[in-house]
C-alpha atoms as a PDB file:
ATOM      1  CA  MET A   1      -0.161  -0.024  -0.153  1.00  0.00           C
ATOM      2  CA  GLY A   2       3.027   2.381   0.938  1.00  0.00           C
ATOM      3  CA  ALA A   3       3.860   1.757  -3.164  1.00  0.00           C
ATOM      4  CA  LEU A   4       0.835   2.788  -4.024  1.00  0.00           C
ATOM      5  CA  PHE A   5       0.893   5.987  -1.827  1.00  0.00           C
ATOM      6  CA  SER A   6       4.147   6.849  -3.225  1.00  0.00           C
ATOM      7  CA  THR A   7       3.052   6.163  -6.770  1.00  0.00           C
ATOM      8  CA  PHE A   8       0.507   8.638  -6.536  1.00  0.00           C
ATOM      9  CA  GLY A   9       2.402  10.876  -4.576  1.00  0.00           C
ATOM     10  CA  ILE A  10       0.741  10.616  -0.854  1.00  0.00           C
ATOM     11  CA  ASP A  11       2.964  11.495   2.108  1.00  0.00           C
ATOM     12  CA  TRP A  12       0.397   8.847   4.224  1.00  0.00           C
ATOM     13  CA  HIS A  13       2.058  10.747   7.774  1.00  0.00           C
ATOM     14  CA  LEU A  14       0.348  13.654   6.587  1.00  0.00           C
ATOM     15  CA  LEU A  15      -2.529  11.539   5.683  1.00  0.00           C
ATOM     16  CA  VAL A  16      -3.156  10.498   8.534  1.00  0.00           C
ATOM     17  CA  ALA A  17      -2.453  13.759  10.369  1.00  0.00           C
ATOM     18  CA  GLN A  18      -5.122  15.397   8.261  1.00  0.00           C
ATOM     19  CA  THR A  19      -7.551  12.531   8.989  1.00  0.00           C
ATOM     20  CA  ALA A  20      -7.170  13.187  13.004  1.00  0.00           C
ATOM     21  CA  ASN A  21      -7.150  17.203  12.324  1.00  0.00           C
ATOM     22  CA  PHE A  22     -10.630  16.475  10.264  1.00  0.00           C
ATOM     23  CA  LEU A  23     -12.097  13.758  13.063  1.00  0.00           C
ATOM     24  CA  ILE A  24     -10.845  16.731  15.727  1.00  0.00           C
ATOM     25  CA  LEU A  25     -12.582  19.240  13.904  1.00  0.00           C
ATOM     26  CA  ALA A  26     -15.665  17.533  13.153  1.00  0.00           C
ATOM     27  CA  ALA A  27     -15.949  16.321  17.083  1.00  0.00           C
ATOM     28  CA  LEU A  28     -15.292  20.174  18.129  1.00  0.00           C
ATOM     29  CA  LEU A  29     -17.631  22.134  15.839  1.00  0.00           C
ATOM     30  CA  THR A  30     -20.935  18.818  16.610  1.00  0.00           C
ATOM     31  CA  TRP A  31     -19.963  19.797  20.509  1.00  0.00           C
ATOM     32  CA  LEU A  32     -19.563  23.581  20.010  1.00  0.00           C
ATOM     33  CA  LEU A  33     -22.061  24.442  17.245  1.00  0.00           C
ATOM     34  CA  TYR A  34     -23.755  21.803  15.658  1.00  0.00           C
ATOM     35  CA  LYS A  35     -25.657  19.987  19.168  1.00  0.00           C
ATOM     36  CA  PRO A  36     -26.744  24.073  20.524  1.00  0.00           C
ATOM     37  CA  VAL A  37     -27.735  24.834  17.085  1.00  0.00           C
ATOM     38  CA  LEU A  38     -29.811  21.916  16.944  1.00  0.00           C
ATOM     39  CA  LYS A  39     -31.116  22.706  20.350  1.00  0.00           C
ATOM     40  CA  MET A  40     -31.960  26.002  19.450  1.00  0.00           C
ATOM     41  CA  VAL A  41     -33.788  24.632  16.473  1.00  0.00           C
ATOM     42  CA  ARG A  42     -35.863  21.920  18.312  1.00  0.00           C
ATOM     43  CA  GLU A  43     -36.724  24.779  20.966  1.00  0.00           C
ATOM     44  CA  ARG A  44     -37.546  27.552  17.518  1.00  0.00           C
ATOM     45  CA  GLU A  45     -39.578  24.102  16.200  1.00  0.00           C
ATOM     46  CA  GLN A  46     -41.870  23.784  20.178  1.00  0.00           C
ATOM     47  CA  VAL A  47     -42.689  27.349  19.868  1.00  0.00           C
ATOM     48  CA  ILE A  48     -43.772  27.745  16.988  1.00  0.00           C
ATOM     49  CA  ALA A  49     -45.756  24.167  17.160  1.00  0.00           C
ATOM     50  CA  ARG A  50     -46.872  25.989  20.729  1.00  0.00           C
ATOM     51  CA  GLY A  51     -47.925  29.301  18.714  1.00  0.00           C
ATOM     52  CA  VAL A  52     -49.772  27.104  16.402  1.00  0.00           C
ATOM     53  CA  GLU A  53     -51.901  24.948  18.546  1.00  0.00           C
ATOM     54  CA  GLU A  54     -52.641  28.907  20.488  1.00  0.00           C
ATOM     55  CA  ALA A  55     -53.704  30.423  17.276  1.00  0.00           C
ATOM     56  CA  GLU A  56     -56.151  27.593  16.202  1.00  0.00           C
ATOM     57  CA  GLU A  57     -57.185  27.371  19.511  1.00  0.00           C
ATOM     58  CA  ALA A  58     -57.829  31.391  19.646  1.00  0.00           C
ATOM     59  CA  SER A  59     -59.464  30.791  17.002  1.00  0.00           C
ATOM     60  CA  ARG A  60     -62.098  28.542  17.964  1.00  0.00           C
ATOM     61  CA  LYS A  61     -62.368  30.436  20.850  1.00  0.00           C
ATOM     62  CA  LEU A  62     -63.199  33.511  18.356  1.00  0.00           C
ATOM     63  CA  ALA A  63     -65.426  31.226  16.240  1.00  0.00           C
ATOM     64  CA  ALA A  64     -67.056  30.590  19.113  1.00  0.00           C
ATOM     65  CA  ALA A  65     -67.495  34.317  20.484  1.00  0.00           C
ATOM     66  CA  ASP A  66     -68.875  34.887  17.334  1.00  0.00           C
ATOM     67  CA  THR A  67     -71.388  32.521  17.556  1.00  0.00           C
ATOM     68  CA  GLU A  68     -72.328  33.487  20.760  1.00  0.00           C
ATOM     69  CA  ALA A  69     -72.164  37.057  19.934  1.00  0.00           C
ATOM     70  CA  GLY A  70     -74.827  36.423  16.868  1.00  0.00           C
ATOM     71  CA  ASN A  71     -76.926  34.220  19.139  1.00  0.00           C
ATOM     72  CA  ARG A  72     -77.065  36.810  21.639  1.00  0.00           C
ATOM     73  CA  VAL A  73     -77.956  39.525  18.680  1.00  0.00           C
ATOM     74  CA  GLY A  74     -80.536  37.387  17.578  1.00  0.00           C
ATOM     75  CA  GLY A  75     -81.914  37.137  20.607  1.00  0.00           C
ATOM     76  CA  ALA A  76     -81.693  41.181  21.171  1.00  0.00           C
ATOM     77  CA  GLU A  77     -83.557  41.821  18.225  1.00  0.00           C
ATOM     78  CA  LYS A  78     -86.298  39.399  19.129  1.00  0.00           C
ATOM     79  CA  LYS A  79     -86.718  40.584  22.293  1.00  0.00           C
ATOM     80  CA  ALA A  80     -86.493  44.331  20.807  1.00  0.00           C
ATOM     81  CA  GLU A  81     -89.105  43.641  18.388  1.00  0.00           C
ATOM     82  CA  GLU A  82     -91.014  41.718  21.238  1.00  0.00           C
ATOM     83  CA  ILE A  83     -91.179  45.162  22.947  1.00  0.00           C
ATOM     84  CA  VAL A  84     -91.858  47.153  19.384  1.00  0.00           C
ATOM     85  CA  LYS A  85     -94.534  45.017  19.170  1.00  0.00           C
ATOM     86  CA  SER A  86     -95.721  44.836  22.924  1.00  0.00           C
ATOM     87  CA  ALA A  87     -95.180  48.895  22.855  1.00  0.00           C
ATOM     88  CA  ARG A  88     -97.622  49.552  20.107  1.00  0.00           C
ATOM     89  CA  ALA A  89    -100.187  47.351  21.728  1.00  0.00           C
ATOM     90  CA  GLU A  90    -100.120  49.097  23.996  1.00  0.00           C
ATOM     91  CA  ALA A  91    -100.429  52.347  22.147  1.00  0.00           C
ATOM     92  CA  THR A  92    -103.585  51.118  20.167  1.00  0.00           C
ATOM     93  CA  ARG A  93    -105.569  50.697  24.077  1.00  0.00           C
ATOM     94  CA  GLU A  94    -104.037  54.296  24.849  1.00  0.00           C
ATOM     95  CA  LYS A  95    -105.320  55.728  21.904  1.00  0.00           C
ATOM     96  CA  ALA A  96    -108.342  53.301  21.613  1.00  0.00           C
ATOM     97  CA  ALA A  97    -109.272  54.792  25.327  1.00  0.00           C
ATOM     98  CA  LEU A  98    -108.211  58.683  25.047  1.00  0.00           C
ATOM     99  CA  ILE A  99    -110.808  58.679  21.669  1.00  0.00           C
ATOM    100  CA  LYS A 100    -113.458  56.966  24.061  1.00  0.00           C
ATOM    101  CA  GLU A 101    -112.392  59.804  26.780  1.00  0.00           C
ATOM    102  CA  ALA A 102    -112.902  62.499  24.053  1.00  0.00           C
ATOM    103  CA  GLU A 103    -116.444  61.151  22.550  1.00  0.00           C
ATOM    104  CA  ALA A 104    -117.896  60.902  26.286  1.00  0.00           C
ATOM    105  CA  ARG A 105    -116.434  64.562  26.642  1.00  0.00           C
ATOM    106  CA  ALA A 106    -117.689  65.710  23.875  1.00  0.00           C
ATOM    107  CA  ALA A 107    -121.496  64.112  23.966  1.00  0.00           C
ATOM    108  CA  LYS A 108    -121.111  66.078  27.915  1.00  0.00           C
ATOM    109  CA  VAL A 109    -120.259  69.477  26.154  1.00  0.00           C
ATOM    110  CA  GLU A 110    -123.212  68.626  23.950  1.00  0.00           C
ATOM    111  CA  ARG A 111    -125.721  67.732  26.498  1.00  0.00           C
ATOM    112  CA  ASP A 112    -123.957  70.847  28.823  1.00  0.00           C
ATOM    113  CA  ALA A 113    -124.678  73.125  25.905  1.00  0.00           C
ATOM    114  CA  GLU A 114    -128.170  71.917  24.826  1.00  0.00           C
ATOM    115  CA  ALA A 115    -129.249  72.225  28.073  1.00  0.00           C
ATOM    116  CA  ARG A 116    -128.043  76.282  28.171  1.00  0.00           C
ATOM    117  CA  ALA A 117    -129.981  76.364  24.839  1.00  0.00           C
ATOM    118  CA  ALA A 118    -133.114  75.186  26.736  1.00  0.00           C
ATOM    119  CA  GLU A 119    -132.343  76.988  29.474  1.00  0.00           C
ATOM    120  CA  GLU A 120    -131.492  80.217  27.313  1.00  0.00           C
ATOM    121  CA  ALA A 121    -134.916  80.020  25.187  1.00  0.00           C
ATOM    122  CA  ALA A 122    -136.629  78.947  28.116  1.00  0.00           C
ATOM    123  CA  ARG A 123    -135.798  82.416  29.708  1.00  0.00           C
ATOM    124  CA  ALA A 124    -136.074  84.293  26.458  1.00  0.00           C
ATOM    125  CA  ARG A 125    -139.412  82.914  26.095  1.00  0.00           C
ATOM    126  CA  ALA A 126    -140.200  84.077  30.107  1.00  0.00           C
ATOM    127  CA  GLY A 127    -139.172  87.335  29.392  1.00  0.00           C
ATOM    128  CA  SER A 128    -141.051  87.606  26.276  1.00  0.00           C
ATOM    129  CA  GLU A 129    -144.347  86.188  27.626  1.00  0.00           C
ATOM    130  CA  ARG A 130    -143.763  89.037  30.358  1.00  0.00           C
ATOM    131  CA  GLU A 131    -143.243  91.320  27.802  1.00  0.00           C
ATOM    132  CA  ILE A 132    -146.316  90.290  25.848  1.00  0.00           C
ATOM    133  CA  ALA A 133    -148.125  90.603  29.103  1.00  0.00           C
ATOM    134  CA  ARG A 134    -147.094  93.617  30.445  1.00  0.00           C
ATOM    135  CA  LEU A 135    -147.423  95.133  26.596  1.00  0.00           C
ATOM    136  CA  ALA A 136    -151.118  93.932  26.870  1.00  0.00           C
ATOM    137  CA  ILE A 137    -152.020  95.231  30.351  1.00  0.00           C
ATOM    138  CA  LEU A 138    -150.920  98.156  28.495  1.00  0.00           C
ATOM    139  CA  ALA A 139    -152.535  97.828  25.775  1.00  0.00           C
ATOM    140  CA  ALA A 140    -156.265  97.354  28.261  1.00  0.00           C
ATOM    141  CA  GLU A 141    -155.306 100.446  30.038  1.00  0.00           C
ATOM    142  CA  LYS A 142    -155.244 102.242  27.116  1.00  0.00           C
ATOM    143  CA  VAL A 143    -158.282 100.476  25.921  1.00  0.00           C
ATOM    144  CA  LEU A 144    -159.754 101.363  29.205  1.00  0.00           C
ATOM    145  CA  GLN A 145    -158.965 104.884  29.526  1.00  0.00           C
ATOM    146  CA  LYS A 146    -160.262 105.585  25.740  1.00  0.00           C
ATOM    147  CA  LYS A 147    -163.924 104.728  26.546  1.00  0.00           C
ATOM    148  CA  SER A 148    -163.905 105.718  29.858  1.00  0.00           C
END
């Protein structure tokens, strides 16, 4: 084998030294660089995986919150609709009561006005009757004075 190395111009002492240097350098790089970098990459993968899991959980919670908000909004809209419907019904009842009360007041005012008009007409008749009676007495006196 020595003849083969010398034919190609390879110094086997130098080859052994370079192989030893390479193995030492590979061991040092593995120990000082490769393992810490690999450990850092694994930790980073774990952090990223945890971040992805947390993002998925947040997405699920957001979807649940959106669903809950939709349900609450729907319930609030339904309740508001019921309140408006109830208010309209109450307003209709109140309107009917006010109309009925106004009609009753109008009927009372009408009856009072008719009663006053009848009373005024009776007074006017009574006054007219007195005036006619007074004029009749005066006319009778004149007639009697002419005869006497």
